[in-house]
Amino acid sequence: APTALRYPGGTNSDFHHWRNGVGPYAQ
């Protein structure tokens, strides 16, 4: 039960395009 959560991680955040991770998984 962590009291804080960081997202989307460290180095991964340098390439994370959030729109690619929303909506139905298949899309």
mmCIF file of all heavy atoms, coordinates in Angstrom:
data_MODEL
# 
_entry.id   MODEL 
# 
loop_
_atom_site.group_PDB 
_atom_site.id 
_atom_site.type_symbol 
_atom_site.label_atom_id 
_atom_site.label_alt_id 
_atom_site.label_comp_id 
_atom_site.label_asym_id 
_atom_site.label_entity_id 
_atom_site.label_seq_id 
_atom_site.pdbx_PDB_ins_code 
_atom_site.Cartn_x 
_atom_site.Cartn_y 
_atom_site.Cartn_z 
_atom_site.occupancy 
_atom_site.B_iso_or_equiv 
_atom_site.pdbx_formal_charge 
_atom_site.auth_seq_id 
_atom_site.auth_comp_id 
_atom_site.auth_asym_id 
_atom_site.auth_atom_id 
_atom_site.pdbx_PDB_model_num 
ATOM 1   N N   . ALA A 1 1  ? 0.830   -1.215 0.000   1.00 0.00 ? 1  ALA A N   1 
ATOM 2   C CA  . ALA A 1 1  ? 0.000   0.000  0.000   1.00 0.00 ? 1  ALA A CA  1 
ATOM 3   C C   . ALA A 1 1  ? 0.861   1.261  0.000   1.00 0.00 ? 1  ALA A C   1 
ATOM 4   O O   . ALA A 1 1  ? 0.872   2.028  0.963   1.00 0.00 ? 1  ALA A O   1 
ATOM 5   C CB  . ALA A 1 1  ? -0.952  -0.005 1.193   1.00 0.00 ? 1  ALA A CB  1 
ATOM 6   N N   . PRO A 1 2  ? 1.598   1.514  -1.066  1.00 0.00 ? 2  PRO A N   1 
ATOM 7   C CA  . PRO A 1 2  ? 2.511   2.666  -1.100  1.00 0.00 ? 2  PRO A CA  1 
ATOM 8   C C   . PRO A 1 2  ? 1.769   3.984  -0.931  1.00 0.00 ? 2  PRO A C   1 
ATOM 9   O O   . PRO A 1 2  ? 0.670   4.161  -1.448  1.00 0.00 ? 2  PRO A O   1 
ATOM 10  C CB  . PRO A 1 2  ? 3.155   2.570  -2.483  1.00 0.00 ? 2  PRO A CB  1 
ATOM 11  C CG  . PRO A 1 2  ? 2.201   1.766  -3.301  1.00 0.00 ? 2  PRO A CG  1 
ATOM 12  C CD  . PRO A 1 2  ? 1.577   0.803  -2.350  1.00 0.00 ? 2  PRO A CD  1 
ATOM 13  N N   . THR A 1 3  ? 2.372   4.908  -0.216  1.00 0.00 ? 3  THR A N   1 
ATOM 14  C CA  . THR A 1 3  ? 1.723   6.193  0.038   1.00 0.00 ? 3  THR A CA  1 
ATOM 15  C C   . THR A 1 3  ? 1.912   7.168  -1.110  1.00 0.00 ? 3  THR A C   1 
ATOM 16  O O   . THR A 1 3  ? 1.252   8.205  -1.160  1.00 0.00 ? 3  THR A O   1 
ATOM 17  C CB  . THR A 1 3  ? 2.269   6.826  1.329   1.00 0.00 ? 3  THR A CB  1 
ATOM 18  O OG1 . THR A 1 3  ? 3.701   6.950  1.208   1.00 0.00 ? 3  THR A OG1 1 
ATOM 19  C CG2 . THR A 1 3  ? 1.931   5.955  2.524   1.00 0.00 ? 3  THR A CG2 1 
ATOM 20  N N   . ALA A 1 4  ? 2.830   6.861  -2.032  1.00 0.00 ? 4  ALA A N   1 
ATOM 21  C CA  . ALA A 1 4  ? 3.035   7.695  -3.220  1.00 0.00 ? 4  ALA A CA  1 
ATOM 22  C C   . ALA A 1 4  ? 3.455   6.788  -4.365  1.00 0.00 ? 4  ALA A C   1 
ATOM 23  O O   . ALA A 1 4  ? 4.135   5.782  -4.156  1.00 0.00 ? 4  ALA A O   1 
ATOM 24  C CB  . ALA A 1 4  ? 4.099   8.758  -2.973  1.00 0.00 ? 4  ALA A CB  1 
ATOM 25  N N   . LEU A 1 5  ? 3.037   7.150  -5.579  1.00 0.00 ? 5  LEU A N   1 
ATOM 26  C CA  . LEU A 1 5  ? 3.409   6.389  -6.774  1.00 0.00 ? 5  LEU A CA  1 
ATOM 27  C C   . LEU A 1 5  ? 3.848   7.351  -7.876  1.00 0.00 ? 5  LEU A C   1 
ATOM 28  O O   . LEU A 1 5  ? 3.093   8.252  -8.246  1.00 0.00 ? 5  LEU A O   1 
ATOM 29  C CB  . LEU A 1 5  ? 2.231   5.558  -7.292  1.00 0.00 ? 5  LEU A CB  1 
ATOM 30  C CG  . LEU A 1 5  ? 1.896   4.248  -6.587  1.00 0.00 ? 5  LEU A CG  1 
ATOM 31  C CD1 . LEU A 1 5  ? 0.692   3.593  -7.264  1.00 0.00 ? 5  LEU A CD1 1 
ATOM 32  C CD2 . LEU A 1 5  ? 3.070   3.288  -6.607  1.00 0.00 ? 5  LEU A CD2 1 
ATOM 33  N N   . ARG A 1 6  ? 5.056   7.132  -8.389  1.00 0.00 ? 6  ARG A N   1 
ATOM 34  C CA  . ARG A 1 6  ? 5.577   7.947  -9.494  1.00 0.00 ? 6  ARG A CA  1 
ATOM 35  C C   . ARG A 1 6  ? 5.354   7.213  -10.811 1.00 0.00 ? 6  ARG A C   1 
ATOM 36  O O   . ARG A 1 6  ? 5.535   5.997  -10.887 1.00 0.00 ? 6  ARG A O   1 
ATOM 37  C CB  . ARG A 1 6  ? 7.065   8.209  -9.273  1.00 0.00 ? 6  ARG A CB  1 
ATOM 38  C CG  . ARG A 1 6  ? 7.728   9.028  -10.380 1.00 0.00 ? 6  ARG A CG  1 
ATOM 39  C CD  . ARG A 1 6  ? 9.164   9.342  -9.974  1.00 0.00 ? 6  ARG A CD  1 
ATOM 40  N NE  . ARG A 1 6  ? 9.858   10.087 -11.020 1.00 0.00 ? 6  ARG A NE  1 
ATOM 41  C CZ  . ARG A 1 6  ? 10.923  9.633  -11.680 1.00 0.00 ? 6  ARG A CZ  1 
ATOM 42  N NH1 . ARG A 1 6  ? 11.400  8.419  -11.410 1.00 0.00 ? 6  ARG A NH1 1 
ATOM 43  N NH2 . ARG A 1 6  ? 11.501  10.372 -12.605 1.00 0.00 ? 6  ARG A NH2 1 
ATOM 44  N N   . TYR A 1 7  ? 4.997   7.968  -11.836 1.00 0.00 ? 7  TYR A N   1 
ATOM 45  C CA  . TYR A 1 7  ? 4.657   7.385  -13.137 1.00 0.00 ? 7  TYR A CA  1 
ATOM 46  C C   . TYR A 1 7  ? 5.138   8.324  -14.231 1.00 0.00 ? 7  TYR A C   1 
ATOM 47  O O   . TYR A 1 7  ? 5.102   9.541  -14.047 1.00 0.00 ? 7  TYR A O   1 
ATOM 48  C CB  . TYR A 1 7  ? 3.130   7.218  -13.216 1.00 0.00 ? 7  TYR A CB  1 
ATOM 49  C CG  . TYR A 1 7  ? 2.605   6.624  -14.493 1.00 0.00 ? 7  TYR A CG  1 
ATOM 50  C CD1 . TYR A 1 7  ? 2.549   5.242  -14.659 1.00 0.00 ? 7  TYR A CD1 1 
ATOM 51  C CD2 . TYR A 1 7  ? 2.160   7.441  -15.532 1.00 0.00 ? 7  TYR A CD2 1 
ATOM 52  C CE1 . TYR A 1 7  ? 2.066   4.691  -15.829 1.00 0.00 ? 7  TYR A CE1 1 
ATOM 53  C CE2 . TYR A 1 7  ? 1.677   6.890  -16.705 1.00 0.00 ? 7  TYR A CE2 1 
ATOM 54  C CZ  . TYR A 1 7  ? 1.634   5.516  -16.851 1.00 0.00 ? 7  TYR A CZ  1 
ATOM 55  O OH  . TYR A 1 7  ? 1.151   4.971  -18.018 1.00 0.00 ? 7  TYR A OH  1 
ATOM 56  N N   . PRO A 1 8  ? 5.626   7.830  -15.369 1.00 0.00 ? 8  PRO A N   1 
ATOM 57  C CA  . PRO A 1 8  ? 5.668   6.417  -15.799 1.00 0.00 ? 8  PRO A CA  1 
ATOM 58  C C   . PRO A 1 8  ? 7.017   5.750  -15.542 1.00 0.00 ? 8  PRO A C   1 
ATOM 59  O O   . PRO A 1 8  ? 7.386   4.801  -16.236 1.00 0.00 ? 8  PRO A O   1 
ATOM 60  C CB  . PRO A 1 8  ? 5.421   6.544  -17.300 1.00 0.00 ? 8  PRO A CB  1 
ATOM 61  C CG  . PRO A 1 8  ? 6.092   7.821  -17.674 1.00 0.00 ? 8  PRO A CG  1 
ATOM 62  C CD  . PRO A 1 8  ? 5.901   8.744  -16.490 1.00 0.00 ? 8  PRO A CD  1 
ATOM 63  N N   . GLY A 1 9  ? 7.764   6.234  -14.578 1.00 0.00 ? 9  GLY A N   1 
ATOM 64  C CA  . GLY A 1 9  ? 9.073   5.677  -14.285 1.00 0.00 ? 9  GLY A CA  1 
ATOM 65  C C   . GLY A 1 9  ? 10.148  6.718  -14.524 1.00 0.00 ? 9  GLY A C   1 
ATOM 66  O O   . GLY A 1 9  ? 9.867   7.912  -14.663 1.00 0.00 ? 9  GLY A O   1 
ATOM 67  N N   . GLY A 1 10 ? 11.394  6.255  -14.614 1.00 0.00 ? 10 GLY A N   1 
ATOM 68  C CA  . GLY A 1 10 ? 12.499  7.172  -14.802 1.00 0.00 ? 10 GLY A CA  1 
ATOM 69  C C   . GLY A 1 10 ? 12.779  7.444  -16.262 1.00 0.00 ? 10 GLY A C   1 
ATOM 70  O O   . GLY A 1 10 ? 12.093  8.232  -16.910 1.00 0.00 ? 10 GLY A O   1 
ATOM 71  N N   . THR A 1 11 ? 13.789  6.751  -16.809 1.00 0.00 ? 11 THR A N   1 
ATOM 72  C CA  . THR A 1 11 ? 14.178  6.994  -18.195 1.00 0.00 ? 11 THR A CA  1 
ATOM 73  C C   . THR A 1 11 ? 13.021  6.757  -19.158 1.00 0.00 ? 11 THR A C   1 
ATOM 74  O O   . THR A 1 11 ? 12.928  7.411  -20.202 1.00 0.00 ? 11 THR A O   1 
ATOM 75  C CB  . THR A 1 11 ? 15.383  6.112  -18.564 1.00 0.00 ? 11 THR A CB  1 
ATOM 76  O OG1 . THR A 1 11 ? 16.434  6.360  -17.634 1.00 0.00 ? 11 THR A OG1 1 
ATOM 77  C CG2 . THR A 1 11 ? 15.884  6.422  -19.953 1.00 0.00 ? 11 THR A CG2 1 
ATOM 78  N N   . ASN A 1 12 ? 12.134  5.826  -18.851 1.00 0.00 ? 12 ASN A N   1 
ATOM 79  C CA  . ASN A 1 12 ? 10.982  5.597  -19.726 1.00 0.00 ? 12 ASN A CA  1 
ATOM 80  C C   . ASN A 1 12 ? 10.171  6.869  -19.953 1.00 0.00 ? 12 ASN A C   1 
ATOM 81  O O   . ASN A 1 12 ? 9.535   7.031  -20.997 1.00 0.00 ? 12 ASN A O   1 
ATOM 82  C CB  . ASN A 1 12 ? 10.065  4.514  -19.149 1.00 0.00 ? 12 ASN A CB  1 
ATOM 83  C CG  . ASN A 1 12 ? 10.461  3.122  -19.623 1.00 0.00 ? 12 ASN A CG  1 
ATOM 84  O OD1 . ASN A 1 12 ? 11.219  2.972  -20.571 1.00 0.00 ? 12 ASN A OD1 1 
ATOM 85  N ND2 . ASN A 1 12 ? 9.937   2.110  -18.960 1.00 0.00 ? 12 ASN A ND2 1 
ATOM 86  N N   . SER A 1 13 ? 10.178  7.766  -18.988 1.00 0.00 ? 13 SER A N   1 
ATOM 87  C CA  . SER A 1 13 ? 9.386   8.987  -19.143 1.00 0.00 ? 13 SER A CA  1 
ATOM 88  C C   . SER A 1 13 ? 9.929   9.867  -20.265 1.00 0.00 ? 13 SER A C   1 
ATOM 89  O O   . SER A 1 13 ? 9.197   10.703 -20.814 1.00 0.00 ? 13 SER A O   1 
ATOM 90  C CB  . SER A 1 13 ? 9.342   9.775  -17.834 1.00 0.00 ? 13 SER A CB  1 
ATOM 91  O OG  . SER A 1 13 ? 10.622  10.257 -17.492 1.00 0.00 ? 13 SER A OG  1 
ATOM 92  N N   . ASP A 1 14 ? 11.207  9.689  -20.638 1.00 0.00 ? 14 ASP A N   1 
ATOM 93  C CA  . ASP A 1 14 ? 11.785  10.476 -21.724 1.00 0.00 ? 14 ASP A CA  1 
ATOM 94  C C   . ASP A 1 14 ? 11.220  10.096 -23.087 1.00 0.00 ? 14 ASP A C   1 
ATOM 95  O O   . ASP A 1 14 ? 11.441  10.821 -24.070 1.00 0.00 ? 14 ASP A O   1 
ATOM 96  C CB  . ASP A 1 14 ? 13.304  10.300 -21.762 1.00 0.00 ? 14 ASP A CB  1 
ATOM 97  C CG  . ASP A 1 14 ? 14.009  11.010 -20.616 1.00 0.00 ? 14 ASP A CG  1 
ATOM 98  O OD1 . ASP A 1 14 ? 13.381  11.877 -19.989 1.00 0.00 ? 14 ASP A OD1 1 
ATOM 99  O OD2 . ASP A 1 14 ? 15.186  10.693 -20.356 1.00 0.00 ? 14 ASP A OD2 1 
ATOM 100 N N   . PHE A 1 15 ? 10.518  8.977  -23.165 1.00 0.00 ? 15 PHE A N   1 
ATOM 101 C CA  . PHE A 1 15 ? 9.963   8.506  -24.435 1.00 0.00 ? 15 PHE A CA  1 
ATOM 102 C C   . PHE A 1 15 ? 8.478   8.185  -24.318 1.00 0.00 ? 15 PHE A C   1 
ATOM 103 O O   . PHE A 1 15 ? 7.883   7.638  -25.250 1.00 0.00 ? 15 PHE A O   1 
ATOM 104 C CB  . PHE A 1 15 ? 10.721  7.260  -24.912 1.00 0.00 ? 15 PHE A CB  1 
ATOM 105 C CG  . PHE A 1 15 ? 12.211  7.438  -24.848 1.00 0.00 ? 15 PHE A CG  1 
ATOM 106 C CD1 . PHE A 1 15 ? 12.945  6.918  -23.803 1.00 0.00 ? 15 PHE A CD1 1 
ATOM 107 C CD2 . PHE A 1 15 ? 12.880  8.167  -25.817 1.00 0.00 ? 15 PHE A CD2 1 
ATOM 108 C CE1 . PHE A 1 15 ? 14.315  7.105  -23.730 1.00 0.00 ? 15 PHE A CE1 1 
ATOM 109 C CE2 . PHE A 1 15 ? 14.251  8.358  -25.759 1.00 0.00 ? 15 PHE A CE2 1 
ATOM 110 C CZ  . PHE A 1 15 ? 14.970  7.829  -24.709 1.00 0.00 ? 15 PHE A CZ  1 
ATOM 111 N N   . HIS A 1 16 ? 7.895   8.524  -23.176 1.00 0.00 ? 16 HIS A N   1 
ATOM 112 C CA  . HIS A 1 16 ? 6.507   8.158  -22.909 1.00 0.00 ? 16 HIS A CA  1 
ATOM 113 C C   . HIS A 1 16 ? 5.562   9.180  -23.539 1.00 0.00 ? 16 HIS A C   1 
ATOM 114 O O   . HIS A 1 16 ? 5.590   10.365 -23.197 1.00 0.00 ? 16 HIS A O   1 
ATOM 115 C CB  . HIS A 1 16 ? 6.266   8.088  -21.399 1.00 0.00 ? 16 HIS A CB  1 
ATOM 116 C CG  . HIS A 1 16 ? 4.896   7.616  -21.029 1.00 0.00 ? 16 HIS A CG  1 
ATOM 117 N ND1 . HIS A 1 16 ? 4.600   6.286  -20.844 1.00 0.00 ? 16 HIS A ND1 1 
ATOM 118 C CD2 . HIS A 1 16 ? 3.741   8.285  -20.824 1.00 0.00 ? 16 HIS A CD2 1 
ATOM 119 C CE1 . HIS A 1 16 ? 3.325   6.163  -20.525 1.00 0.00 ? 16 HIS A CE1 1 
ATOM 120 N NE2 . HIS A 1 16 ? 2.778   7.360  -20.509 1.00 0.00 ? 16 HIS A NE2 1 
ATOM 121 N N   . HIS A 1 17 ? 4.744   8.715  -24.456 1.00 0.00 ? 17 HIS A N   1 
ATOM 122 C CA  . HIS A 1 17 ? 3.703   9.548  -25.047 1.00 0.00 ? 17 HIS A CA  1 
ATOM 123 C C   . HIS A 1 17 ? 2.367   9.047  -24.492 1.00 0.00 ? 17 HIS A C   1 
ATOM 124 O O   . HIS A 1 17 ? 1.900   7.972  -24.860 1.00 0.00 ? 17 HIS A O   1 
ATOM 125 C CB  . HIS A 1 17 ? 3.761   9.480  -26.569 1.00 0.00 ? 17 HIS A CB  1 
ATOM 126 C CG  . HIS A 1 17 ? 5.052   10.011 -27.122 1.00 0.00 ? 17 HIS A CG  1 
ATOM 127 N ND1 . HIS A 1 17 ? 5.331   11.364 -27.197 1.00 0.00 ? 17 HIS A ND1 1 
ATOM 128 C CD2 . HIS A 1 17 ? 6.172   9.366  -27.565 1.00 0.00 ? 17 HIS A CD2 1 
ATOM 129 C CE1 . HIS A 1 17 ? 6.545   11.543 -27.691 1.00 0.00 ? 17 HIS A CE1 1 
ATOM 130 N NE2 . HIS A 1 17 ? 7.081   10.352 -27.913 1.00 0.00 ? 17 HIS A NE2 1 
ATOM 131 N N   . TRP A 1 18 ? 1.803   9.837  -23.588 1.00 0.00 ? 18 TRP A N   1 
ATOM 132 C CA  . TRP A 1 18 ? 0.707   9.355  -22.748 1.00 0.00 ? 18 TRP A CA  1 
ATOM 133 C C   . TRP A 1 18 ? -0.508  8.917  -23.555 1.00 0.00 ? 18 TRP A C   1 
ATOM 134 O O   . TRP A 1 18 ? -1.233  8.000  -23.133 1.00 0.00 ? 18 TRP A O   1 
ATOM 135 C CB  . TRP A 1 18 ? 0.330   10.414 -21.717 1.00 0.00 ? 18 TRP A CB  1 
ATOM 136 C CG  . TRP A 1 18 ? -0.307  11.652 -22.274 1.00 0.00 ? 18 TRP A CG  1 
ATOM 137 C CD1 . TRP A 1 18 ? 0.323   12.800 -22.674 1.00 0.00 ? 18 TRP A CD1 1 
ATOM 138 C CD2 . TRP A 1 18 ? -1.702  11.874 -22.494 1.00 0.00 ? 18 TRP A CD2 1 
ATOM 139 N NE1 . TRP A 1 18 ? -0.589  13.718 -23.125 1.00 0.00 ? 18 TRP A NE1 1 
ATOM 140 C CE2 . TRP A 1 18 ? -1.841  13.182 -23.024 1.00 0.00 ? 18 TRP A CE2 1 
ATOM 141 C CE3 . TRP A 1 18 ? -2.850  11.107 -22.275 1.00 0.00 ? 18 TRP A CE3 1 
ATOM 142 C CZ2 . TRP A 1 18 ? -3.074  13.727 -23.358 1.00 0.00 ? 18 TRP A CZ2 1 
ATOM 143 C CZ3 . TRP A 1 18 ? -4.081  11.646 -22.609 1.00 0.00 ? 18 TRP A CZ3 1 
ATOM 144 C CH2 . TRP A 1 18 ? -4.194  12.935 -23.147 1.00 0.00 ? 18 TRP A CH2 1 
ATOM 145 N N   . ARG A 1 19 ? -0.742  9.542  -24.701 1.00 0.00 ? 19 ARG A N   1 
ATOM 146 C CA  . ARG A 1 19 ? -1.909  9.158  -25.507 1.00 0.00 ? 19 ARG A CA  1 
ATOM 147 C C   . ARG A 1 19 ? -1.811  7.717  -26.004 1.00 0.00 ? 19 ARG A C   1 
ATOM 148 O O   . ARG A 1 19 ? -2.834  7.092  -26.308 1.00 0.00 ? 19 ARG A O   1 
ATOM 149 C CB  . ARG A 1 19 ? -2.062  10.112 -26.690 1.00 0.00 ? 19 ARG A CB  1 
ATOM 150 C CG  . ARG A 1 19 ? -2.472  11.525 -26.306 1.00 0.00 ? 19 ARG A CG  1 
ATOM 151 C CD  . ARG A 1 19 ? -2.678  12.371 -27.547 1.00 0.00 ? 19 ARG A CD  1 
ATOM 152 N NE  . ARG A 1 19 ? -3.042  13.751 -27.237 1.00 0.00 ? 19 ARG A NE  1 
ATOM 153 C CZ  . ARG A 1 19 ? -2.162  14.718 -27.018 1.00 0.00 ? 19 ARG A CZ  1 
ATOM 154 N NH1 . ARG A 1 19 ? -0.862  14.438 -27.053 1.00 0.00 ? 19 ARG A NH1 1 
ATOM 155 N NH2 . ARG A 1 19 ? -2.563  15.947 -26.756 1.00 0.00 ? 19 ARG A NH2 1 
ATOM 156 N N   . ASN A 1 20 ? -0.573  7.197  -26.112 1.00 0.00 ? 20 ASN A N   1 
ATOM 157 C CA  . ASN A 1 20 ? -0.395  5.804  -26.526 1.00 0.00 ? 20 ASN A CA  1 
ATOM 158 C C   . ASN A 1 20 ? -0.847  4.824  -25.449 1.00 0.00 ? 20 ASN A C   1 
ATOM 159 O O   . ASN A 1 20 ? -0.941  3.619  -25.716 1.00 0.00 ? 20 ASN A O   1 
ATOM 160 C CB  . ASN A 1 20 ? 1.078   5.527  -26.857 1.00 0.00 ? 20 ASN A CB  1 
ATOM 161 C CG  . ASN A 1 20 ? 1.547   6.256  -28.094 1.00 0.00 ? 20 ASN A CG  1 
ATOM 162 O OD1 . ASN A 1 20 ? 0.750   6.836  -28.823 1.00 0.00 ? 20 ASN A OD1 1 
ATOM 163 N ND2 . ASN A 1 20 ? 2.848   6.239  -28.349 1.00 0.00 ? 20 ASN A ND2 1 
ATOM 164 N N   . GLY A 1 21 ? -1.107  5.309  -24.248 1.00 0.00 ? 21 GLY A N   1 
ATOM 165 C CA  . GLY A 1 21 ? -1.452  4.420  -23.142 1.00 0.00 ? 21 GLY A CA  1 
ATOM 166 C C   . GLY A 1 21 ? -2.851  4.637  -22.591 1.00 0.00 ? 21 GLY A C   1 
ATOM 167 O O   . GLY A 1 21 ? -3.105  4.323  -21.426 1.00 0.00 ? 21 GLY A O   1 
ATOM 168 N N   . VAL A 1 22 ? -3.757  5.180  -23.384 1.00 0.00 ? 22 VAL A N   1 
ATOM 169 C CA  . VAL A 1 22 ? -5.144  5.339  -22.943 1.00 0.00 ? 22 VAL A CA  1 
ATOM 170 C C   . VAL A 1 22 ? -6.073  4.701  -23.963 1.00 0.00 ? 22 VAL A C   1 
ATOM 171 O O   . VAL A 1 22 ? -5.695  4.500  -25.124 1.00 0.00 ? 22 VAL A O   1 
ATOM 172 C CB  . VAL A 1 22 ? -5.522  6.830  -22.735 1.00 0.00 ? 22 VAL A CB  1 
ATOM 173 C CG1 . VAL A 1 22 ? -4.665  7.451  -21.632 1.00 0.00 ? 22 VAL A CG1 1 
ATOM 174 C CG2 . VAL A 1 22 ? -5.377  7.611  -24.019 1.00 0.00 ? 22 VAL A CG2 1 
ATOM 175 N N   . GLY A 1 23 ? -7.285  4.390  -23.507 1.00 0.00 ? 23 GLY A N   1 
ATOM 176 C CA  . GLY A 1 23 ? -8.257  3.746  -24.383 1.00 0.00 ? 23 GLY A CA  1 
ATOM 177 C C   . GLY A 1 23 ? -8.124  2.232  -24.350 1.00 0.00 ? 23 GLY A C   1 
ATOM 178 O O   . GLY A 1 23 ? -7.296  1.670  -23.615 1.00 0.00 ? 23 GLY A O   1 
ATOM 179 N N   . PRO A 1 24 ? -8.940  1.525  -25.151 1.00 0.00 ? 24 PRO A N   1 
ATOM 180 C CA  . PRO A 1 24 ? -8.875  0.060  -25.200 1.00 0.00 ? 24 PRO A CA  1 
ATOM 181 C C   . PRO A 1 24 ? -7.480  -0.424 -25.560 1.00 0.00 ? 24 PRO A C   1 
ATOM 182 O O   . PRO A 1 24 ? -6.814  0.148  -26.438 1.00 0.00 ? 24 PRO A O   1 
ATOM 183 C CB  . PRO A 1 24 ? -9.886  -0.294 -26.300 1.00 0.00 ? 24 PRO A CB  1 
ATOM 184 C CG  . PRO A 1 24 ? -10.813 0.881  -26.358 1.00 0.00 ? 24 PRO A CG  1 
ATOM 185 C CD  . PRO A 1 24 ? -9.982  2.077  -26.031 1.00 0.00 ? 24 PRO A CD  1 
ATOM 186 N N   . TYR A 1 25 ? -7.042  -1.483 -24.917 1.00 0.00 ? 25 TYR A N   1 
ATOM 187 C CA  . TYR A 1 25 ? -5.677  -1.962 -25.106 1.00 0.00 ? 25 TYR A CA  1 
ATOM 188 C C   . TYR A 1 25 ? -5.399  -2.289 -26.571 1.00 0.00 ? 25 TYR A C   1 
ATOM 189 O O   . TYR A 1 25 ? -4.316  -1.972 -27.095 1.00 0.00 ? 25 TYR A O   1 
ATOM 190 C CB  . TYR A 1 25 ? -5.425  -3.206 -24.239 1.00 0.00 ? 25 TYR A CB  1 
ATOM 191 C CG  . TYR A 1 25 ? -4.012  -3.727 -24.349 1.00 0.00 ? 25 TYR A CG  1 
ATOM 192 C CD1 . TYR A 1 25 ? -2.990  -3.199 -23.569 1.00 0.00 ? 25 TYR A CD1 1 
ATOM 193 C CD2 . TYR A 1 25 ? -3.700  -4.756 -25.243 1.00 0.00 ? 25 TYR A CD2 1 
ATOM 194 C CE1 . TYR A 1 25 ? -1.690  -3.662 -23.677 1.00 0.00 ? 25 TYR A CE1 1 
ATOM 195 C CE2 . TYR A 1 25 ? -2.397  -5.226 -25.355 1.00 0.00 ? 25 TYR A CE2 1 
ATOM 196 C CZ  . TYR A 1 25 ? -1.400  -4.671 -24.572 1.00 0.00 ? 25 TYR A CZ  1 
ATOM 197 O OH  . TYR A 1 25 ? -0.114  -5.139 -24.691 1.00 0.00 ? 25 TYR A OH  1 
ATOM 198 N N   . ALA A 1 26 ? -6.361  -2.890 -27.240 1.00 0.00 ? 26 ALA A N   1 
ATOM 199 C CA  . ALA A 1 26 ? -6.154  -3.307 -28.632 1.00 0.00 ? 26 ALA A CA  1 
ATOM 200 C C   . ALA A 1 26 ? -5.915  -2.121 -29.563 1.00 0.00 ? 26 ALA A C   1 
ATOM 201 O O   . ALA A 1 26 ? -5.368  -2.295 -30.659 1.00 0.00 ? 26 ALA A O   1 
ATOM 202 C CB  . ALA A 1 26 ? -7.351  -4.118 -29.115 1.00 0.00 ? 26 ALA A CB  1 
ATOM 203 N N   . GLN A 1 27 ? -6.309  -0.928 -29.137 1.00 0.00 ? 27 GLN A N   1 
ATOM 204 C CA  . GLN A 1 27 ? -6.160  0.252  -29.990 1.00 0.00 ? 27 GLN A CA  1 
ATOM 205 C C   . GLN A 1 27 ? -4.946  1.105  -29.614 1.00 0.00 ? 27 GLN A C   1 
ATOM 206 O O   . GLN A 1 27 ? -4.699  2.140  -30.242 1.00 0.00 ? 27 GLN A O   1 
ATOM 207 C CB  . GLN A 1 27 ? -7.430  1.098  -29.914 1.00 0.00 ? 27 GLN A CB  1 
ATOM 208 C CG  . GLN A 1 27 ? -8.675  0.391  -30.434 1.00 0.00 ? 27 GLN A CG  1 
ATOM 209 C CD  . GLN A 1 27 ? -9.934  1.224  -30.261 1.00 0.00 ? 27 GLN A CD  1 
ATOM 210 O OE1 . GLN A 1 27 ? -9.878  2.423  -30.010 1.00 0.00 ? 27 GLN A OE1 1 
ATOM 211 N NE2 . GLN A 1 27 ? -11.082 0.578  -30.374 1.00 0.00 ? 27 GLN A NE2 1 
# 
